[in-house]
């Protein structure tokens, strides 16, 4: 698949070997030694690759992946799983509609291969900031995710993802939600109070399971985290397994900084089903990027935004997500496209561009 895509396009393409260092596979047997970097075999280089850059951050990387075989057809076929990771995209590329992804997905559908997927396959989107992640920024992003998880994020993904073991809601399954030791009021609530309105602002409703105090208990755990590693653990189920939202800790490019402040750590959104649809991928990524942008506002701006989210969530109707898209994220122009996508979900069409045999339709 990687080889065919490299021959059809000028995209940077690589494939990852998964065997012991003294082993061989079809990939490393056919790729020249000078194009191999610690198991990453480059089939087609990016135009520029500096010495310090990680190949995996600049290429479309094809690698083997565990499959859940959730659908009978997938189980019957028993085909090998493939994960594709993309190069790191910058804000300007998202502003331009992620045209590189459009090229990749369009050509993927023209390879003449039988490619299958089912609703157990996920799409994980990592979002970082060029200045590096800080505990304060991560706390603010996590606060927004807690408030938007039920009313926006889960609303816009396929229903099977709500209960997938790989994308469980943090408001129900994370240690922030489950560990009572994290639910104690903070000794120093200064930062929390600067960024989040008082509990009386949030009224009981369907969105907070008629118990707003649970949201604030989670926020104690968020704002009581002192380093990124602490918050990362608290976002996991039983401090072990990633939920629908996670922190992906990255310590390279940071010398001797145990707290990882300023590191290229990313926030990882794991909620969505995979897709072959460029528009859906772009629209979903826009939402996640906007959450991170909002979190970069100053304390006063951020607190106003949190108040607005709480107010809109309090409407407790099926169109809350539209209000959030329009009045909070500034993405009201995407609402019609999301309305169409929700119709696909209602018909049980969870992964785009598949036929009745779960095979990818040619373009």
Protein backbone atom coordinates (compact mmCIF):
# COMPACT_ATOMS: atom_id res chain seq x y z
CA UNK A 1 0.00 0.00 0.00
CA UNK A 2 2.78 2.43 0.95
CA UNK A 3 4.76 1.55 -2.17
CA UNK A 4 1.78 2.09 -4.48
CA UNK A 5 0.92 5.42 -2.87
CA UNK A 6 4.53 6.58 -3.23
CA UNK A 7 4.44 5.72 -6.93
CA UNK A 8 1.18 7.64 -7.46
CA UNK A 9 2.12 10.81 -5.56
CA UNK A 10 5.02 12.97 -4.45
CA UNK A 11 3.97 12.62 -0.81
CA UNK A 12 6.64 11.70 1.75
CA UNK A 13 6.01 8.00 2.49
CA UNK A 14 7.63 5.60 4.96
CA UNK A 15 6.90 2.15 6.37
CA UNK A 16 7.83 0.80 9.78
CA UNK A 17 9.42 -2.58 10.37
CA UNK A 18 8.13 -4.55 13.35
CA UNK A 19 10.67 -7.30 14.06
CA UNK A 20 13.81 -7.89 16.17
CA UNK A 21 16.87 -5.90 15.17
CA UNK A 22 18.53 -9.01 13.74
CA UNK A 23 15.47 -9.91 11.63
CA UNK A 24 14.42 -9.06 8.09
CA UNK A 25 11.10 -8.37 6.40
CA UNK A 26 9.83 -7.43 2.96
CA UNK A 27 10.06 -3.75 3.85
CA UNK A 28 13.69 -3.56 4.97
CA UNK A 29 14.73 -6.10 2.34
CA UNK A 30 13.59 -3.80 -0.47
CA UNK A 31 14.44 -0.34 0.92
CA UNK A 32 18.10 0.76 0.60
CA UNK A 33 20.05 0.82 3.87
CA UNK A 34 20.67 4.56 3.60
CA UNK A 35 16.89 5.08 3.63
CA UNK A 36 16.41 3.19 6.91
CA UNK A 37 16.28 5.00 10.25
CA UNK A 38 15.85 2.80 13.35
CA UNK A 39 13.19 0.67 11.70
CA UNK A 40 11.58 3.50 9.74
CA UNK A 41 12.11 2.80 6.04
CA UNK A 42 11.61 5.81 3.78
CA UNK A 43 10.13 5.07 0.37
CA UNK A 44 9.84 8.72 -0.62
CA UNK A 45 11.55 11.57 1.21
CA UNK A 46 10.03 14.97 2.01
CA UNK A 47 11.50 17.81 -0.04
CA UNK A 48 13.61 18.91 2.93
CA UNK A 49 14.61 16.78 5.91
CA UNK A 50 17.04 18.34 8.37
CA UNK A 51 19.44 16.26 10.44
CA UNK A 52 17.58 16.82 13.73
CA UNK A 53 14.13 15.96 12.39
CA UNK A 54 12.39 12.68 13.13
CA UNK A 55 11.40 10.88 9.92
CA UNK A 56 8.09 9.84 11.46
CA UNK A 57 7.13 13.50 11.94
CA UNK A 58 7.66 14.33 8.27
CA UNK A 59 6.20 11.30 6.46
CA UNK A 60 3.01 9.37 6.03
CA UNK A 61 4.06 6.36 8.07
CA UNK A 62 2.53 2.92 7.40
CA UNK A 63 2.81 0.43 10.25
CA UNK A 64 1.19 -2.76 11.50
CA UNK A 65 -1.70 -2.37 13.94
CA UNK A 66 -3.69 -4.57 16.32
CA UNK A 67 -7.24 -5.23 15.11
CA UNK A 68 -10.26 -5.78 17.31
CA UNK A 69 -12.20 -7.62 14.54
CA UNK A 70 -15.44 -6.17 15.94
CA UNK A 71 -17.46 -6.94 12.80
CA UNK A 72 -18.10 -10.55 11.66
CA UNK A 73 -16.79 -9.75 8.17
CA UNK A 74 -13.54 -8.40 9.61
CA UNK A 75 -13.18 -11.49 11.79
CA UNK A 76 -13.85 -13.78 8.84
CA UNK A 77 -11.23 -12.08 6.67
CA UNK A 78 -8.56 -11.84 9.35
CA UNK A 79 -6.63 -9.32 7.27
CA UNK A 80 -3.56 -7.64 8.73
CA UNK A 81 -4.22 -4.28 10.36
CA UNK A 82 -2.55 -1.13 9.08
CA UNK A 83 -2.15 2.20 10.84
CA UNK A 84 -1.27 5.33 8.91
CA UNK A 85 0.20 8.25 10.81
CA UNK A 86 0.46 11.59 9.05
CA UNK A 87 3.26 14.13 8.99
CA UNK A 88 2.99 16.93 11.53
CA UNK A 89 0.70 19.59 10.05
CA UNK A 90 1.00 23.24 11.05
CA UNK A 91 -1.79 25.76 11.61
CA UNK A 92 -1.49 27.25 8.14
CA UNK A 93 -2.14 23.85 6.55
CA UNK A 94 -5.34 23.45 8.56
CA UNK A 95 -6.40 26.96 7.55
CA UNK A 96 -5.93 25.87 3.92
CA UNK A 97 -8.14 22.82 4.39
CA UNK A 98 -5.50 20.09 4.87
CA UNK A 99 -5.01 19.68 1.12
CA UNK A 100 -2.20 17.18 1.68
CA UNK A 101 -4.67 14.86 3.42
CA UNK A 102 -7.07 15.28 0.53
CA UNK A 103 -4.34 14.15 -1.87
CA UNK A 104 -3.50 11.15 0.31
CA UNK A 105 -7.09 9.98 0.81
CA UNK A 106 -8.06 10.55 -2.83
CA UNK A 107 -5.12 8.48 -4.07
CA UNK A 108 -5.64 5.80 -1.43
CA UNK A 109 -9.02 5.13 -3.02
CA UNK A 110 -7.39 4.73 -6.43
CA UNK A 111 -4.77 2.10 -5.59
CA UNK A 112 -6.85 -0.82 -6.83
CA UNK A 113 -6.48 -2.63 -3.49
CA UNK A 114 -9.13 -4.21 -1.32
CA UNK A 115 -9.09 -2.01 1.78
CA UNK A 116 -11.54 -2.63 4.60
CA UNK A 117 -12.48 -0.95 7.87
CA UNK A 118 -15.18 -1.22 10.51
CA UNK A 119 -16.46 0.95 13.33
CA UNK A 120 -13.85 -0.36 15.76
CA UNK A 121 -11.18 1.51 13.78
CA UNK A 122 -10.39 4.89 15.30
CA UNK A 123 -8.89 8.18 14.20
CA UNK A 124 -6.57 9.74 16.77
CA UNK A 125 -5.74 13.42 16.36
CA UNK A 126 -2.79 14.93 18.22
CA UNK A 127 -2.71 18.70 18.73
CA UNK A 128 0.30 20.55 20.05
CA UNK A 129 1.57 24.12 20.20
CA UNK A 130 4.77 25.39 18.64
CA UNK A 131 5.89 27.02 21.89
CA UNK A 132 5.59 23.69 23.74
CA UNK A 133 3.07 22.27 26.19
CA UNK A 134 2.78 23.58 29.75
CA UNK A 135 0.82 22.25 32.70
CA UNK A 136 -1.36 25.39 32.69
CA UNK A 137 -2.27 24.99 29.03
CA UNK A 138 -2.97 21.28 29.50
CA UNK A 139 -5.21 22.08 32.48
CA UNK A 140 -7.18 24.60 30.41
CA UNK A 141 -7.56 22.23 27.45
CA UNK A 142 -8.67 19.42 29.77
CA UNK A 143 -11.21 21.73 31.42
CA UNK A 144 -12.73 22.52 28.01
CA UNK A 145 -12.82 18.84 27.05
CA UNK A 146 -14.61 17.92 30.28
CA UNK A 147 -17.26 20.56 29.56
CA UNK A 148 -17.60 19.69 25.86
CA UNK A 149 -17.28 15.91 25.94
CA UNK A 150 -20.95 14.97 26.27
CA UNK A 151 -22.54 17.90 24.47
CA UNK A 152 -20.21 18.26 21.48
CA UNK A 153 -17.39 15.75 21.05
CA UNK A 154 -19.35 12.53 21.60
CA UNK A 155 -22.32 14.00 19.76
CA UNK A 156 -20.28 14.23 16.56
CA UNK A 157 -18.72 10.75 16.47
CA UNK A 158 -20.27 7.40 15.54
CA UNK A 159 -22.26 5.80 18.41
CA UNK A 160 -20.04 2.66 18.62
CA UNK A 161 -17.15 4.92 19.66
CA UNK A 162 -19.02 5.94 22.82
CA UNK A 163 -18.34 2.53 24.36
CA UNK A 164 -15.14 1.51 22.61
CA UNK A 165 -12.42 0.44 25.04
CA UNK A 166 -10.05 2.75 23.15
CA UNK A 167 -12.13 5.94 23.37
CA UNK A 168 -14.04 5.83 26.66
CA UNK A 169 -15.37 9.19 27.92
CA UNK A 170 -13.09 10.76 30.51
CA UNK A 171 -16.11 12.06 32.45
CA UNK A 172 -17.11 8.47 33.22
CA UNK A 173 -13.96 6.36 33.08
CA UNK A 174 -10.83 8.38 33.83
CA UNK A 175 -9.16 8.48 37.22
CA UNK A 176 -10.31 12.10 37.37
CA UNK A 177 -13.87 10.78 37.38
CA UNK A 178 -13.40 7.61 39.43
CA UNK A 179 -10.65 8.24 42.00
CA UNK A 180 -12.20 9.77 45.11
CA UNK A 181 -8.77 10.80 46.38
CA UNK A 182 -8.69 13.37 43.57
CA UNK A 183 -12.10 14.83 44.48
CA UNK A 184 -11.00 16.78 47.54
CA UNK A 185 -11.23 20.59 47.34
CA UNK A 186 -7.89 22.20 46.59
CA UNK A 187 -5.76 23.67 49.36
CA UNK A 188 -4.93 26.53 47.02
CA UNK A 189 -7.79 27.06 44.52
CA UNK A 190 -6.38 30.32 43.12
CA UNK A 191 -5.68 29.06 39.59
CA UNK A 192 -8.99 27.17 39.43
CA UNK A 193 -10.94 30.24 40.54
CA UNK A 194 -9.10 32.43 38.03
CA UNK A 195 -10.14 30.21 35.13
CA UNK A 196 -13.44 28.55 36.14
CA UNK A 197 -16.60 30.21 37.53
CA UNK A 198 -17.96 29.12 40.90
CA UNK A 199 -20.03 25.95 41.18
CA UNK A 200 -23.33 27.83 41.54
CA UNK A 201 -22.96 28.90 37.89
CA UNK A 202 -23.66 25.33 36.75
CA UNK A 203 -27.22 24.13 37.18
CA UNK A 204 -28.20 20.44 37.35
CA UNK A 205 -29.18 19.10 33.95
CA UNK A 206 -29.10 16.11 31.66
CA UNK A 207 -25.65 17.01 30.34
CA UNK A 208 -24.04 16.82 33.80
CA UNK A 209 -26.19 13.88 34.91
CA UNK A 210 -28.09 16.22 37.25
CA UNK A 211 -25.01 16.40 39.45
CA UNK A 212 -22.79 19.40 38.58
CA UNK A 213 -20.63 18.70 41.61
CA UNK A 214 -19.13 15.74 39.73
CA UNK A 215 -17.75 18.11 37.10
CA UNK A 216 -16.14 20.26 39.77
CA UNK A 217 -14.71 17.23 41.54
CA UNK A 218 -12.99 16.32 38.27
CA UNK A 219 -11.72 19.87 37.95
CA UNK A 220 -10.13 19.61 41.40
CA UNK A 221 -8.07 16.72 40.02
CA UNK A 222 -7.19 18.69 36.90
CA UNK A 223 -6.14 21.88 38.65
CA UNK A 224 -4.46 19.97 41.46
CA UNK A 225 -2.02 18.41 38.98
CA UNK A 226 1.39 20.00 39.30
CA UNK A 227 3.19 18.46 36.32
CA UNK A 228 2.15 17.05 32.94
CA UNK A 229 2.95 13.48 33.96
CA UNK A 230 0.48 13.71 36.86
CA UNK A 231 -2.32 14.97 34.64
CA UNK A 232 -1.53 12.33 32.02
CA UNK A 233 -2.03 9.55 34.59
CA UNK A 234 -5.21 11.10 35.94
CA UNK A 235 -6.73 11.16 32.45
CA UNK A 236 -6.30 7.39 32.12
CA UNK A 237 -8.67 4.68 33.27
CA UNK A 238 -7.23 3.25 36.50
CA UNK A 239 -4.16 5.37 35.66
CA UNK A 240 -3.27 2.78 33.01
CA UNK A 241 -5.41 2.85 29.86
CA UNK A 242 -6.03 5.87 27.67
CA UNK A 243 -9.57 7.16 27.35
CA UNK A 244 -11.07 9.32 24.59
CA UNK A 245 -8.83 12.22 25.58
CA UNK A 246 -5.22 11.82 26.66
CA UNK A 247 -1.90 13.57 27.09
CA UNK A 248 0.85 12.16 24.89
CA UNK A 249 4.05 12.94 26.77
CA UNK A 250 7.09 13.67 24.62
CA UNK A 251 10.42 14.47 26.23
CA UNK A 252 12.70 14.83 23.23
CA UNK A 253 14.06 18.33 22.58
CA UNK A 254 13.81 19.08 26.32
CA UNK A 255 17.08 18.59 28.18
CA UNK A 256 16.83 17.59 31.81
CA UNK A 257 13.31 18.95 32.32
CA UNK A 258 11.52 16.29 34.34
CA UNK A 259 8.29 18.28 34.41
CA UNK A 260 8.24 18.43 30.57
CA UNK A 261 7.31 22.13 30.59
CA UNK A 262 7.79 23.47 27.06
CA UNK A 263 8.09 19.96 25.62
CA UNK A 264 6.44 18.85 22.35
CA UNK A 265 3.86 16.95 24.41
CA UNK A 266 0.50 16.84 22.62
CA UNK A 267 -3.11 16.42 23.60
CA UNK A 268 -4.62 13.37 21.90
CA UNK A 269 -8.27 13.16 20.88
CA UNK A 270 -9.22 9.50 20.39
CA UNK A 271 -13.00 9.79 20.22
CA UNK A 272 -13.63 9.62 16.48
CA UNK A 273 -14.11 6.66 14.20
CA UNK A 274 -11.64 6.45 11.32
CA UNK A 275 -12.63 8.04 8.05
CA UNK A 276 -11.71 8.07 4.37
CA UNK A 277 -13.61 11.36 3.99
CA UNK A 278 -11.35 14.39 3.73
CA UNK A 279 -14.10 16.87 4.63
CA UNK A 280 -15.06 14.98 7.78
CA UNK A 281 -11.41 14.70 8.83
CA UNK A 282 -10.90 18.42 8.24
CA UNK A 283 -14.10 19.42 10.06
CA UNK A 284 -13.29 17.26 13.08
CA UNK A 285 -9.71 18.53 13.24
CA UNK A 286 -10.93 22.13 13.09
CA UNK A 287 -13.00 21.56 16.24
CA UNK A 288 -10.06 20.11 18.15
CA UNK A 289 -7.69 22.84 17.01
CA UNK A 290 -10.18 25.52 18.08
CA UNK A 291 -10.37 24.00 21.57
CA UNK A 292 -6.60 24.33 21.87
CA UNK A 293 -6.64 27.90 20.52
CA UNK A 294 -9.32 28.94 23.02
CA UNK A 295 -7.27 27.41 25.83
CA UNK A 296 -4.40 29.74 24.93
CA UNK A 297 -6.42 32.83 25.85
CA UNK A 298 -5.69 34.74 29.05
CA UNK A 299 -7.45 33.83 32.30
CA UNK A 300 -10.23 36.38 31.88
CA UNK A 301 -11.01 35.38 28.28
CA UNK A 302 -10.89 31.72 29.20
CA UNK A 303 -13.23 32.12 32.15
CA UNK A 304 -15.76 33.97 29.96
CA UNK A 305 -15.61 31.12 27.47
CA UNK A 306 -16.19 28.53 30.20
CA UNK A 307 -19.20 30.53 31.40
CA UNK A 308 -20.56 30.58 27.84
CA UNK A 309 -20.12 26.81 27.48
CA UNK A 310 -21.88 26.17 30.79
CA UNK A 311 -24.74 28.46 29.75
CA UNK A 312 -25.20 26.77 26.34
CA UNK A 313 -24.89 23.27 27.83
CA UNK A 314 -27.64 24.25 30.26
CA UNK A 315 -30.15 24.51 27.42
CA UNK A 316 -30.25 20.70 27.56
CA UNK A 317 -31.68 20.15 24.08
CA UNK A 318 -30.53 18.23 21.02
CA UNK A 319 -29.22 21.37 19.33
CA UNK A 320 -26.78 22.37 22.07
CA UNK A 321 -23.89 21.25 19.85
CA UNK A 322 -24.93 23.81 17.22
CA UNK A 323 -24.78 26.61 19.77
CA UNK A 324 -21.34 25.47 20.88
CA UNK A 325 -20.10 25.28 17.29
CA UNK A 326 -21.42 28.76 16.52
CA UNK A 327 -21.02 30.82 19.69
CA UNK A 328 -17.97 29.17 21.29
CA UNK A 329 -15.85 27.70 18.49
CA UNK A 330 -16.79 30.13 15.72
CA UNK A 331 -17.48 27.22 13.37
CA UNK A 332 -21.15 27.85 12.68
CA UNK A 333 -20.51 27.62 8.93
CA UNK A 334 -19.74 23.90 9.39
CA UNK A 335 -23.07 23.09 11.08
CA UNK A 336 -24.87 22.08 7.81
CA UNK A 337 -22.08 19.61 6.98
CA UNK A 338 -22.26 18.11 10.47
CA UNK A 339 -26.03 17.81 10.18
CA UNK A 340 -25.51 15.73 7.04
CA UNK A 341 -22.89 13.60 8.80
CA UNK A 342 -25.28 12.88 11.68
CA UNK A 343 -27.81 11.56 9.15
CA UNK A 344 -25.22 8.98 8.05
CA UNK A 345 -24.81 7.89 11.67
CA UNK A 346 -28.58 7.60 12.08
CA UNK A 347 -28.63 5.23 9.08
CA UNK A 348 -25.89 3.11 10.66
CA UNK A 349 -23.23 4.29 8.18
CA UNK A 350 -20.38 4.84 10.60
CA UNK A 351 -17.30 4.76 8.33
CA UNK A 352 -17.40 6.81 5.15
CA UNK A 353 -17.08 5.46 1.60
CA UNK A 354 -17.49 1.75 2.40
CA UNK A 355 -19.71 -0.63 0.42
CA UNK A 356 -21.95 -3.34 1.90
CA UNK A 357 -18.93 -5.63 2.24
CA UNK A 358 -17.04 -3.00 4.27
CA UNK A 359 -14.66 -2.44 1.36
CA UNK A 360 -13.43 1.01 0.39
CA UNK A 361 -15.21 2.27 -2.71
CA UNK A 362 -12.99 3.49 -5.57
CA UNK A 363 -12.92 7.25 -6.04
